């Protein structure tokens, strides 16, 4: 049941990423700056279209990789994974929830990356320093989610050892 909340979070994160990408794409200049040096000047430029299509490619690749395990488990196409996480096993729900929520966190990170690039290129409207909390928060979420996967797998290994 929890995985439905993970799916909802995942799809909301897709909508947020697409909104940020399309909205901020329209506000970006033709040459998009990707980083700032110590003096505050932009030192790496990409074309606007290159940035847009690279973000779309990263989004598609990350989501395809992240969604393969839960979709193969739900459709029973991966027999080994289905044998490890059979229907009715509580760890199956946790496993699905973890993957969908991790996909959501990853999409939120990509949306934050788009927002960061927008803030670099529009210093008059948004200062990058105003949102540094979020720039440190997303990697912390990613670390917590990876640790959560290891906790989940350790719990499953203990369940298999006990023979339950």
N, C-alpha and C. Protein backbone atom coordinates (compact mmCIF):
# COMPACT_ATOMS: atom_id res chain seq x y z
N UNK A 1 0.82 -1.20 0.00
CA UNK A 1 0.00 0.00 0.00
C UNK A 1 0.86 1.27 0.00
N UNK A 2 2.02 1.19 0.69
CA UNK A 2 2.88 2.36 0.75
C UNK A 2 3.40 2.75 -0.62
N UNK A 3 3.57 1.76 -1.50
CA UNK A 3 4.16 2.08 -2.80
C UNK A 3 3.26 2.99 -3.61
N UNK A 4 1.98 3.05 -3.30
CA UNK A 4 1.09 3.99 -4.00
C UNK A 4 1.44 5.43 -3.65
N UNK A 5 1.83 5.66 -2.41
CA UNK A 5 2.30 6.99 -2.03
C UNK A 5 3.62 7.30 -2.73
N UNK A 6 4.47 6.29 -2.85
CA UNK A 6 5.72 6.45 -3.58
C UNK A 6 5.47 6.78 -5.04
N UNK A 7 4.49 6.11 -5.65
CA UNK A 7 4.13 6.40 -7.04
C UNK A 7 3.58 7.81 -7.19
N UNK A 8 2.73 8.20 -6.25
CA UNK A 8 2.17 9.56 -6.32
C UNK A 8 3.27 10.61 -6.19
N UNK A 9 4.20 10.40 -5.27
CA UNK A 9 5.33 11.31 -5.12
C UNK A 9 6.17 11.34 -6.38
N UNK A 10 6.38 10.17 -6.97
CA UNK A 10 7.17 10.06 -8.20
C UNK A 10 6.52 10.85 -9.33
N UNK A 11 5.23 10.69 -9.53
CA UNK A 11 4.57 11.40 -10.62
C UNK A 11 4.47 12.90 -10.36
N UNK A 12 4.33 13.30 -9.10
CA UNK A 12 4.36 14.73 -8.79
C UNK A 12 5.75 15.32 -9.06
N UNK A 13 6.79 14.54 -8.78
CA UNK A 13 8.14 15.02 -9.05
C UNK A 13 8.39 15.13 -10.55
N UNK A 14 7.80 14.25 -11.35
CA UNK A 14 7.91 14.38 -12.80
C UNK A 14 7.27 15.68 -13.26
N UNK A 15 6.10 15.97 -12.74
CA UNK A 15 5.40 17.20 -13.12
C UNK A 15 6.20 18.44 -12.69
N UNK A 16 6.79 18.39 -11.50
CA UNK A 16 7.60 19.51 -11.03
C UNK A 16 8.83 19.70 -11.92
N UNK A 17 9.51 18.61 -12.27
CA UNK A 17 10.67 18.72 -13.13
C UNK A 17 10.29 19.30 -14.48
N UNK A 18 9.23 18.78 -15.08
CA UNK A 18 8.82 19.28 -16.39
C UNK A 18 8.41 20.74 -16.32
N UNK A 19 7.72 21.14 -15.25
CA UNK A 19 7.34 22.53 -15.09
C UNK A 19 8.58 23.42 -14.98
N UNK A 20 9.51 23.04 -14.11
CA UNK A 20 10.74 23.83 -13.95
C UNK A 20 11.51 23.90 -15.25
N UNK A 21 11.66 22.78 -15.93
CA UNK A 21 12.45 22.76 -17.15
C UNK A 21 11.82 23.65 -18.22
N UNK A 22 10.54 23.52 -18.44
CA UNK A 22 9.89 24.31 -19.49
C UNK A 22 9.77 25.78 -19.10
N UNK A 23 9.45 26.05 -17.85
CA UNK A 23 9.28 27.44 -17.42
C UNK A 23 10.62 28.18 -17.43
N UNK A 24 11.64 27.57 -16.87
CA UNK A 24 12.93 28.24 -16.82
C UNK A 24 13.66 28.22 -18.15
N UNK A 25 13.35 27.27 -19.01
CA UNK A 25 13.92 27.25 -20.35
C UNK A 25 13.55 28.52 -21.11
N UNK A 26 12.31 28.95 -20.93
CA UNK A 26 11.87 30.15 -21.64
C UNK A 26 12.57 31.41 -21.11
N UNK A 27 13.06 31.37 -19.89
CA UNK A 27 13.71 32.55 -19.30
C UNK A 27 15.23 32.55 -19.47
N UNK A 28 15.79 31.45 -19.99
CA UNK A 28 17.24 31.37 -20.12
C UNK A 28 17.73 32.13 -21.34
N UNK A 29 18.95 32.68 -21.26
CA UNK A 29 19.54 33.34 -22.44
C UNK A 29 20.00 32.28 -23.46
N UNK A 30 20.43 32.74 -24.63
CA UNK A 30 20.87 31.80 -25.67
C UNK A 30 22.12 31.03 -25.25
N UNK A 31 23.01 31.66 -24.50
CA UNK A 31 24.19 30.98 -23.95
C UNK A 31 23.94 30.79 -22.45
N UNK A 32 23.82 29.55 -22.03
CA UNK A 32 23.48 29.23 -20.65
C UNK A 32 24.77 29.01 -19.86
N UNK A 33 24.94 29.76 -18.78
CA UNK A 33 26.08 29.57 -17.90
C UNK A 33 25.80 28.44 -16.92
N UNK A 34 26.78 27.58 -16.73
CA UNK A 34 26.59 26.42 -15.85
C UNK A 34 27.32 26.53 -14.52
N UNK A 35 28.31 27.40 -14.43
CA UNK A 35 29.03 27.53 -13.17
C UNK A 35 29.57 28.95 -13.04
N UNK A 36 29.87 29.30 -11.80
CA UNK A 36 30.39 30.63 -11.48
C UNK A 36 31.73 30.44 -10.77
N UNK A 37 32.70 31.26 -11.13
CA UNK A 37 33.99 31.19 -10.43
C UNK A 37 33.96 32.08 -9.20
N UNK A 38 35.09 32.23 -8.53
CA UNK A 38 35.15 32.99 -7.28
C UNK A 38 34.82 34.47 -7.46
N UNK A 39 35.12 35.02 -8.62
CA UNK A 39 34.86 36.44 -8.85
C UNK A 39 33.41 36.72 -9.21
N UNK A 40 32.60 35.67 -9.44
CA UNK A 40 31.20 35.85 -9.74
C UNK A 40 30.89 35.86 -11.23
N UNK A 41 31.89 35.61 -12.06
CA UNK A 41 31.63 35.57 -13.50
C UNK A 41 31.39 34.13 -13.96
N UNK A 42 30.60 34.00 -14.99
CA UNK A 42 30.25 32.68 -15.51
C UNK A 42 31.43 32.15 -16.32
N UNK A 43 31.85 30.92 -16.02
CA UNK A 43 33.04 30.40 -16.69
C UNK A 43 32.76 29.18 -17.56
N UNK A 44 31.57 28.69 -17.65
CA UNK A 44 31.24 27.57 -18.53
C UNK A 44 29.90 27.84 -19.19
N UNK A 45 29.87 27.81 -20.51
CA UNK A 45 28.66 28.11 -21.26
C UNK A 45 28.25 26.94 -22.14
N UNK A 46 26.95 26.74 -22.26
CA UNK A 46 26.36 25.82 -23.21
C UNK A 46 25.31 26.58 -24.00
N UNK A 47 24.96 26.04 -25.13
CA UNK A 47 23.83 26.62 -25.85
C UNK A 47 22.55 26.24 -25.13
N UNK A 48 21.53 27.05 -25.31
CA UNK A 48 20.26 26.83 -24.64
C UNK A 48 19.65 25.48 -25.02
N UNK A 49 19.68 25.13 -26.28
CA UNK A 49 19.13 23.86 -26.74
C UNK A 49 19.92 22.67 -26.23
N UNK A 50 21.22 22.80 -26.16
CA UNK A 50 22.06 21.71 -25.65
C UNK A 50 21.73 21.44 -24.18
N UNK A 51 21.57 22.50 -23.41
CA UNK A 51 21.20 22.33 -22.00
C UNK A 51 19.84 21.65 -21.89
N UNK A 52 18.87 22.09 -22.66
CA UNK A 52 17.52 21.54 -22.60
C UNK A 52 17.53 20.05 -22.94
N UNK A 53 18.15 19.69 -24.06
CA UNK A 53 18.12 18.30 -24.49
C UNK A 53 18.99 17.41 -23.61
N UNK A 54 20.04 17.94 -23.03
CA UNK A 54 20.83 17.14 -22.10
C UNK A 54 20.06 16.88 -20.81
N UNK A 55 19.28 17.84 -20.36
CA UNK A 55 18.46 17.62 -19.17
C UNK A 55 17.35 16.61 -19.46
N UNK A 56 16.76 16.69 -20.65
CA UNK A 56 15.73 15.71 -21.02
C UNK A 56 16.35 14.32 -21.12
N UNK A 57 17.54 14.21 -21.71
CA UNK A 57 18.22 12.91 -21.83
C UNK A 57 18.57 12.35 -20.46
N UNK A 58 19.09 13.20 -19.57
CA UNK A 58 19.42 12.75 -18.22
C UNK A 58 18.16 12.28 -17.50
N UNK A 59 17.07 13.01 -17.66
CA UNK A 59 15.79 12.65 -17.05
C UNK A 59 15.31 11.29 -17.55
N UNK A 60 15.35 11.08 -18.85
CA UNK A 60 14.87 9.81 -19.42
C UNK A 60 15.76 8.65 -18.99
N UNK A 61 17.06 8.84 -19.05
CA UNK A 61 17.99 7.75 -18.68
C UNK A 61 17.87 7.40 -17.20
N UNK A 62 17.88 8.41 -16.34
CA UNK A 62 17.76 8.14 -14.90
C UNK A 62 16.45 7.45 -14.57
N UNK A 63 15.35 7.91 -15.15
CA UNK A 63 14.07 7.32 -14.84
C UNK A 63 13.94 5.91 -15.41
N UNK A 64 14.52 5.65 -16.56
CA UNK A 64 14.49 4.29 -17.11
C UNK A 64 15.27 3.32 -16.23
N UNK A 65 16.41 3.77 -15.74
CA UNK A 65 17.23 2.91 -14.88
C UNK A 65 16.55 2.70 -13.52
N UNK A 66 15.98 3.74 -12.97
CA UNK A 66 15.35 3.65 -11.66
C UNK A 66 14.05 2.84 -11.72
N UNK A 67 13.30 2.95 -12.80
CA UNK A 67 12.01 2.27 -12.85
C UNK A 67 12.07 0.83 -13.36
N UNK A 68 13.20 0.39 -13.85
CA UNK A 68 13.27 -0.99 -14.35
C UNK A 68 13.00 -2.03 -13.25
N UNK A 69 13.66 -1.97 -12.09
CA UNK A 69 13.39 -3.00 -11.06
C UNK A 69 11.94 -3.03 -10.57
N UNK A 70 11.32 -1.88 -10.22
CA UNK A 70 9.95 -2.01 -9.73
C UNK A 70 8.96 -2.43 -10.82
N UNK A 71 9.16 -1.97 -12.03
CA UNK A 71 8.24 -2.38 -13.10
C UNK A 71 8.40 -3.85 -13.44
N UNK A 72 9.64 -4.35 -13.41
CA UNK A 72 9.83 -5.78 -13.67
C UNK A 72 9.28 -6.63 -12.53
N UNK A 73 9.26 -6.09 -11.33
CA UNK A 73 8.66 -6.82 -10.20
C UNK A 73 7.14 -6.79 -10.30
N UNK A 74 6.57 -5.65 -10.65
CA UNK A 74 5.11 -5.54 -10.75
C UNK A 74 4.55 -6.37 -11.90
N UNK A 75 5.28 -6.43 -13.01
CA UNK A 75 4.79 -7.19 -14.17
C UNK A 75 5.24 -8.64 -14.14
N UNK A 76 6.02 -9.03 -13.14
CA UNK A 76 6.53 -10.39 -12.97
C UNK A 76 7.40 -10.84 -14.14
N UNK A 77 8.04 -9.89 -14.82
CA UNK A 77 8.92 -10.25 -15.93
C UNK A 77 10.30 -10.70 -15.45
N UNK A 78 10.69 -10.29 -14.25
CA UNK A 78 11.95 -10.73 -13.67
C UNK A 78 11.63 -11.80 -12.62
N UNK A 79 11.78 -13.05 -13.01
CA UNK A 79 11.37 -14.17 -12.14
C UNK A 79 12.20 -14.24 -10.86
N UNK A 80 13.49 -13.93 -10.94
CA UNK A 80 14.34 -13.99 -9.75
C UNK A 80 13.91 -12.93 -8.73
N UNK A 81 13.64 -11.74 -9.21
CA UNK A 81 13.21 -10.67 -8.32
C UNK A 81 11.83 -10.98 -7.73
N UNK A 82 10.97 -11.58 -8.54
CA UNK A 82 9.63 -11.94 -8.06
C UNK A 82 9.71 -13.07 -7.03
N UNK A 83 10.70 -13.94 -7.15
CA UNK A 83 10.87 -15.02 -6.18
C UNK A 83 11.39 -14.46 -4.85
N UNK A 84 12.24 -13.44 -4.92
CA UNK A 84 12.76 -12.83 -3.70
C UNK A 84 11.69 -12.00 -2.99
N UNK A 85 10.90 -11.28 -3.79
CA UNK A 85 9.85 -10.41 -3.25
C UNK A 85 8.49 -10.89 -3.76
N UNK A 86 7.94 -11.99 -3.21
CA UNK A 86 6.65 -12.49 -3.70
C UNK A 86 5.50 -11.58 -3.26
N UNK A 87 4.38 -11.76 -3.91
CA UNK A 87 3.18 -10.99 -3.56
C UNK A 87 2.78 -11.34 -2.13
N UNK A 88 2.49 -10.32 -1.33
CA UNK A 88 2.13 -10.51 0.07
C UNK A 88 3.29 -10.31 1.03
N UNK A 89 4.50 -10.28 0.53
CA UNK A 89 5.67 -10.04 1.38
C UNK A 89 5.73 -8.55 1.71
N UNK A 90 5.85 -8.20 3.00
CA UNK A 90 5.90 -6.76 3.33
C UNK A 90 7.12 -6.06 2.73
N UNK A 91 8.21 -6.79 2.52
CA UNK A 91 9.39 -6.17 1.93
C UNK A 91 9.18 -5.83 0.46
N UNK A 92 8.25 -6.51 -0.19
CA UNK A 92 7.92 -6.17 -1.57
C UNK A 92 7.37 -4.75 -1.64
N UNK A 93 6.47 -4.44 -0.72
CA UNK A 93 5.89 -3.10 -0.68
C UNK A 93 6.95 -2.06 -0.35
N UNK A 94 7.84 -2.37 0.59
CA UNK A 94 8.92 -1.45 0.94
C UNK A 94 9.89 -1.26 -0.23
N UNK A 95 10.17 -2.35 -0.94
CA UNK A 95 11.07 -2.30 -2.09
C UNK A 95 10.47 -1.40 -3.18
N UNK A 96 9.20 -1.60 -3.50
CA UNK A 96 8.54 -0.77 -4.52
C UNK A 96 8.48 0.68 -4.07
N UNK A 97 8.16 0.89 -2.80
CA UNK A 97 8.10 2.25 -2.27
C UNK A 97 9.45 2.93 -2.36
N UNK A 98 10.51 2.19 -2.03
CA UNK A 98 11.84 2.78 -2.08
C UNK A 98 12.19 3.22 -3.49
N UNK A 99 11.96 2.38 -4.47
CA UNK A 99 12.33 2.73 -5.84
C UNK A 99 11.52 3.90 -6.38
N UNK A 100 10.21 3.90 -6.13
CA UNK A 100 9.41 5.02 -6.63
C UNK A 100 9.77 6.33 -5.92
N UNK A 101 9.99 6.26 -4.62
CA UNK A 101 10.35 7.49 -3.90
C UNK A 101 11.77 7.93 -4.26
N UNK A 102 12.68 6.98 -4.52
CA UNK A 102 14.02 7.36 -4.96
C UNK A 102 13.96 8.03 -6.32
N UNK A 103 13.12 7.52 -7.20
CA UNK A 103 12.92 8.19 -8.49
C UNK A 103 12.38 9.60 -8.30
N UNK A 104 11.49 9.76 -7.32
CA UNK A 104 10.97 11.09 -7.02
C UNK A 104 12.04 12.03 -6.50
N UNK A 105 12.88 11.52 -5.61
CA UNK A 105 13.97 12.34 -5.07
C UNK A 105 14.96 12.70 -6.18
N UNK A 106 15.23 11.76 -7.05
CA UNK A 106 16.13 12.02 -8.18
C UNK A 106 15.54 13.07 -9.12
N UNK A 107 14.25 12.98 -9.39
CA UNK A 107 13.59 13.99 -10.23
C UNK A 107 13.59 15.35 -9.57
N UNK A 108 13.40 15.37 -8.25
CA UNK A 108 13.46 16.64 -7.52
C UNK A 108 14.87 17.22 -7.60
N UNK A 109 15.88 16.36 -7.56
CA UNK A 109 17.26 16.84 -7.69
C UNK A 109 17.51 17.43 -9.08
N UNK A 110 16.99 16.79 -10.10
CA UNK A 110 17.12 17.35 -11.45
C UNK A 110 16.37 18.68 -11.58
N UNK A 111 15.20 18.77 -10.96
CA UNK A 111 14.46 20.03 -10.97
C UNK A 111 15.25 21.12 -10.25
N UNK A 112 15.88 20.75 -9.15
CA UNK A 112 16.71 21.71 -8.42
C UNK A 112 17.92 22.12 -9.24
N UNK A 113 18.47 21.21 -10.01
CA UNK A 113 19.59 21.53 -10.90
C UNK A 113 19.16 22.55 -11.96
N UNK A 114 17.99 22.36 -12.52
CA UNK A 114 17.46 23.33 -13.49
C UNK A 114 17.26 24.69 -12.82
N UNK A 115 16.72 24.67 -11.61
CA UNK A 115 16.52 25.91 -10.86
C UNK A 115 17.85 26.58 -10.57
N UNK A 116 18.87 25.80 -10.23
CA UNK A 116 20.20 26.34 -9.95
C UNK A 116 20.78 27.02 -11.20
N UNK A 117 20.66 26.37 -12.34
CA UNK A 117 21.16 26.97 -13.59
C UNK A 117 20.39 28.24 -13.90
N UNK A 118 19.11 28.23 -13.64
CA UNK A 118 18.32 29.45 -13.84
C UNK A 118 18.80 30.57 -12.91
N UNK A 119 19.09 30.24 -11.67
CA UNK A 119 19.54 31.27 -10.73
C UNK A 119 20.92 31.80 -11.09
N UNK A 120 21.76 30.96 -11.69
CA UNK A 120 23.07 31.44 -12.15
C UNK A 120 22.91 32.45 -13.27
N UNK A 121 22.00 32.17 -14.18
CA UNK A 121 21.84 33.00 -15.36
C UNK A 121 20.96 34.22 -15.15
N UNK A 122 20.22 34.27 -14.08
CA UNK A 122 19.35 35.41 -13.79
C UNK A 122 19.63 35.92 -12.38
N UNK A 123 20.83 36.43 -12.19
CA UNK A 123 21.25 36.91 -10.88
C UNK A 123 20.44 38.11 -10.41
N UNK A 124 19.84 38.85 -11.33
CA UNK A 124 19.06 40.02 -10.93
C UNK A 124 17.78 39.61 -10.21
N UNK A 125 17.18 38.48 -10.65
CA UNK A 125 15.91 38.04 -10.07
C UNK A 125 16.12 37.16 -8.85
N UNK A 126 17.01 36.19 -8.98
CA UNK A 126 17.21 35.19 -7.93
C UNK A 126 18.70 35.07 -7.65
N UNK A 127 19.08 35.26 -6.43
CA UNK A 127 20.47 35.04 -6.04
C UNK A 127 20.64 33.58 -5.64
N UNK A 128 21.70 32.98 -6.10
CA UNK A 128 21.96 31.58 -5.80
C UNK A 128 22.13 31.36 -4.31
N UNK A 129 22.65 32.33 -3.61
CA UNK A 129 22.90 32.18 -2.18
C UNK A 129 21.62 32.10 -1.35
N UNK A 130 20.49 32.54 -1.92
CA UNK A 130 19.23 32.47 -1.18
C UNK A 130 18.73 31.04 -1.01
N UNK A 131 19.15 30.15 -1.89
CA UNK A 131 18.63 28.80 -1.89
C UNK A 131 19.70 27.74 -1.60
N UNK A 132 20.77 28.13 -0.95
CA UNK A 132 21.85 27.17 -0.68
C UNK A 132 21.38 26.03 0.22
N UNK A 133 20.39 26.28 1.07
CA UNK A 133 19.86 25.23 1.93
C UNK A 133 19.34 24.06 1.09
N UNK A 134 18.61 24.37 0.03
CA UNK A 134 18.06 23.32 -0.84
C UNK A 134 19.16 22.61 -1.63
N UNK A 135 20.21 23.34 -1.96
CA UNK A 135 21.31 22.74 -2.72
C UNK A 135 22.08 21.73 -1.87
N UNK A 136 22.06 21.89 -0.55
CA UNK A 136 22.67 20.91 0.33
C UNK A 136 21.67 19.85 0.79
N UNK A 137 20.40 20.18 0.75
CA UNK A 137 19.37 19.26 1.22
C UNK A 137 19.17 18.07 0.27
N UNK A 138 19.20 18.30 -1.02
CA UNK A 138 18.95 17.22 -1.97
C UNK A 138 20.03 16.14 -1.95
N UNK A 139 21.32 16.47 -1.91
CA UNK A 139 22.30 15.39 -1.76
C UNK A 139 22.14 14.64 -0.43
N UNK A 140 21.72 15.33 0.61
CA UNK A 140 21.48 14.65 1.88
C UNK A 140 20.32 13.67 1.75
N UNK A 141 19.26 14.06 1.03
CA UNK A 141 18.15 13.15 0.76
C UNK A 141 18.61 11.93 -0.02
N UNK A 142 19.46 12.14 -1.00
CA UNK A 142 19.96 11.02 -1.80
C UNK A 142 20.75 10.05 -0.92
N UNK A 143 21.57 10.56 -0.03
CA UNK A 143 22.35 9.71 0.86
C UNK A 143 21.43 8.95 1.81
N UNK A 144 20.43 9.62 2.35
CA UNK A 144 19.49 8.97 3.25
C UNK A 144 18.73 7.86 2.52
N UNK A 145 18.34 8.10 1.27
CA UNK A 145 17.61 7.08 0.52
C UNK A 145 18.49 5.88 0.21
N UNK A 146 19.75 6.09 -0.09
CA UNK A 146 20.66 4.97 -0.35
C UNK A 146 20.89 4.17 0.94
N UNK A 147 21.04 4.85 2.05
CA UNK A 147 21.16 4.16 3.34
C UNK A 147 19.88 3.37 3.63
N UNK A 148 18.73 3.95 3.27
CA UNK A 148 17.46 3.25 3.44
C UNK A 148 17.38 1.97 2.63
N UNK A 149 17.96 1.97 1.44
CA UNK A 149 18.00 0.76 0.63
C UNK A 149 18.81 -0.33 1.33
N UNK A 150 19.95 0.04 1.89
CA UNK A 150 20.76 -0.94 2.59
C UNK A 150 20.03 -1.47 3.82
N UNK A 151 19.33 -0.63 4.54
CA UNK A 151 18.56 -1.08 5.70
C UNK A 151 17.46 -2.04 5.24
N UNK A 152 16.81 -1.71 4.13
CA UNK A 152 15.76 -2.57 3.58
C UNK A 152 16.32 -3.93 3.18
N UNK A 153 17.45 -3.92 2.49
CA UNK A 153 18.05 -5.19 2.06
C UNK A 153 18.56 -6.02 3.23
N UNK A 154 19.09 -5.38 4.26
CA UNK A 154 19.53 -6.11 5.46
C UNK A 154 18.33 -6.77 6.13
N UNK A 155 17.21 -6.04 6.20
CA UNK A 155 16.00 -6.63 6.78
C UNK A 155 15.51 -7.82 5.97
N UNK A 156 15.58 -7.73 4.66
CA UNK A 156 15.16 -8.85 3.81
C UNK A 156 16.10 -10.03 3.97
N UNK A 157 17.41 -9.78 4.04
CA UNK A 157 18.37 -10.86 4.24
C UNK A 157 18.13 -11.58 5.56
N UNK A 158 17.83 -10.82 6.60
CA UNK A 158 17.53 -11.45 7.90
C UNK A 158 16.27 -12.29 7.82
N UNK A 159 15.27 -11.80 7.08
CA UNK A 159 14.04 -12.57 6.91
C UNK A 159 14.31 -13.87 6.16
N UNK A 160 15.14 -13.83 5.14
CA UNK A 160 15.47 -15.03 4.37
C UNK A 160 16.28 -16.00 5.23
N UNK A 161 17.19 -15.49 6.05
CA UNK A 161 17.98 -16.36 6.93
C UNK A 161 17.11 -17.10 7.94
N UNK A 162 16.10 -16.40 8.46
CA UNK A 162 15.21 -17.04 9.41
C UNK A 162 14.28 -18.05 8.74
N UNK A 163 14.11 -17.92 7.44
CA UNK A 163 13.26 -18.87 6.70
C UNK A 163 11.79 -18.59 6.83
N UNK A 164 11.44 -17.34 7.09
CA UNK A 164 10.03 -16.97 7.26
C UNK A 164 9.36 -16.90 5.92
